[in-house]
């Protein structure tokens, strides 16, 4: 029995609608609740901005994520004190080899001369 032309068109429209609704549903499922909401930023960005909005001064209260650089002269002074505590020829020679142009190297050379006597 032949299907009337109007019914064939209606059947095709229903197939297309269900296909597009299915594709839309699949895309929403893949995006998940933590991705991009309609018309907005990613959820985590929105939450971060919301956390900052109630604070005065923005991120001033947060600890830095990267430690501050260490003062090189403080590190050299610690190495010199370590060589003095050890008090060995090898310790002073190593310090002088590593920091020969530092003012503490002169003190290390003087200490080395004292050890030679």
Protein backbone atom coordinates (compact mmCIF):
# COMPACT_ATOMS: atom_id res chain seq x y z
CA UNK A 1 0.00 0.00 0.00
CA UNK A 2 1.51 3.32 -1.07
CA UNK A 3 2.26 6.01 1.57
CA UNK A 4 0.68 9.38 0.83
CA UNK A 5 3.15 12.15 -0.16
CA UNK A 6 2.27 14.31 2.87
CA UNK A 7 3.08 11.48 5.26
CA UNK A 8 6.48 10.86 3.62
CA UNK A 9 7.42 14.53 4.10
CA UNK A 10 6.27 14.51 7.71
CA UNK A 11 8.25 11.33 8.32
CA UNK A 12 11.43 12.90 6.90
CA UNK A 13 11.00 16.03 9.04
CA UNK A 14 10.58 13.92 12.19
CA UNK A 15 13.74 11.93 11.38
CA UNK A 16 15.76 15.11 10.91
CA UNK A 17 14.47 16.66 14.13
CA UNK A 18 15.24 13.56 16.17
CA UNK A 19 18.70 13.38 14.59
CA UNK A 20 19.49 17.03 15.41
CA UNK A 21 18.12 16.63 18.93
CA UNK A 22 20.25 13.53 19.37
CA UNK A 23 23.38 15.30 18.12
CA UNK A 24 22.71 18.24 20.42
CA UNK A 25 22.26 15.89 23.37
CA UNK A 26 25.48 14.06 22.53
CA UNK A 27 27.40 17.36 22.34
CA UNK A 28 26.04 18.46 25.70
CA UNK A 29 27.00 15.14 27.25
CA UNK A 30 30.54 15.43 25.86
CA UNK A 31 30.88 19.01 27.07
CA UNK A 32 29.83 17.99 30.56
CA UNK A 33 28.86 20.36 33.36
CA UNK A 34 32.41 21.66 33.96
CA UNK A 35 33.12 22.99 30.49
CA UNK A 36 31.57 26.00 28.80
CA UNK A 37 28.15 27.08 30.00
CA UNK A 38 26.02 28.92 27.49
CA UNK A 39 27.29 32.46 26.99
CA UNK A 40 29.94 32.36 29.69
CA UNK A 41 33.48 31.58 30.67
CA UNK A 42 34.71 28.10 31.55
CA UNK A 43 33.35 27.14 34.96
CA UNK A 44 36.74 27.19 36.73
CA UNK A 45 37.50 30.69 35.43
CA UNK A 46 34.11 31.86 36.60
CA UNK A 47 34.70 30.36 40.04
CA UNK A 48 38.14 31.92 40.31
CA UNK A 49 36.76 35.32 39.37
CA UNK A 50 33.96 34.90 41.89
CA UNK A 51 36.47 34.06 44.64
CA UNK A 52 38.47 37.20 43.84
CA UNK A 53 35.47 39.50 43.56
CA UNK A 54 34.83 39.52 47.30
CA UNK A 55 38.38 40.45 48.23
CA UNK A 56 39.84 43.88 48.46
CA UNK A 57 43.08 44.22 46.56
CA UNK A 58 42.65 41.11 44.41
CA UNK A 59 45.47 38.57 44.82
CA UNK A 60 47.51 40.54 47.37
CA UNK A 61 46.63 38.08 50.14
CA UNK A 62 47.85 35.02 48.29
CA UNK A 63 51.23 33.44 48.72
CA UNK A 64 53.33 33.59 45.55
CA UNK A 65 53.29 30.38 43.55
CA UNK A 66 57.02 30.62 42.85
CA UNK A 67 59.48 31.31 45.68
CA UNK A 68 61.37 34.55 45.50
CA UNK A 69 64.91 34.44 44.14
CA UNK A 70 67.59 33.98 46.77
CA UNK A 71 70.21 36.67 47.33
CA UNK A 72 73.43 35.37 45.72
CA UNK A 73 75.68 37.11 48.25
CA UNK A 74 73.86 35.36 51.10
CA UNK A 75 74.47 31.99 49.46
CA UNK A 76 78.18 32.79 49.02
CA UNK A 77 78.44 33.89 52.66
CA UNK A 78 76.83 30.60 53.77
CA UNK A 79 79.32 28.64 51.69
CA UNK A 80 82.20 30.58 53.22
CA UNK A 81 80.90 29.90 56.74
CA UNK A 82 80.55 26.23 55.86
CA UNK A 83 84.18 26.14 54.67
CA UNK A 84 85.28 27.85 57.90
CA UNK A 85 83.35 25.33 60.02
CA UNK A 86 84.99 22.46 58.16
CA UNK A 87 88.36 24.20 58.42
CA UNK A 88 90.01 21.94 55.84
CA UNK A 89 92.28 22.82 52.98
CA UNK A 90 89.88 21.16 50.53
CA UNK A 91 86.92 23.23 51.76
CA UNK A 92 88.75 26.54 51.33
CA UNK A 93 90.17 25.53 47.95
CA UNK A 94 86.70 24.59 46.74
CA UNK A 95 85.29 27.91 47.95
CA UNK A 96 88.09 29.84 46.20
CA UNK A 97 87.58 27.84 43.01
CA UNK A 98 83.85 28.57 42.99
CA UNK A 99 83.96 32.20 44.17
CA UNK A 100 87.43 33.46 43.33
CA UNK A 101 86.28 36.98 42.49
CA UNK A 102 84.15 37.45 45.63
CA UNK A 103 85.57 39.57 48.47
CA UNK A 104 85.21 36.58 50.80
CA UNK A 105 87.68 34.68 48.60
CA UNK A 106 90.48 36.90 50.00
CA UNK A 107 89.48 35.87 53.50
CA UNK A 108 89.43 32.25 52.39
CA UNK A 109 92.93 32.62 50.92
CA UNK A 110 94.13 34.09 54.23
CA UNK A 111 92.56 31.16 56.11
CA UNK A 112 94.24 28.78 53.68
CA UNK A 113 97.62 30.37 54.38
CA UNK A 114 97.02 29.97 58.11
CA UNK A 115 96.36 26.26 57.59
CA UNK A 116 99.63 25.87 55.65
CA UNK A 117 101.69 26.97 58.68
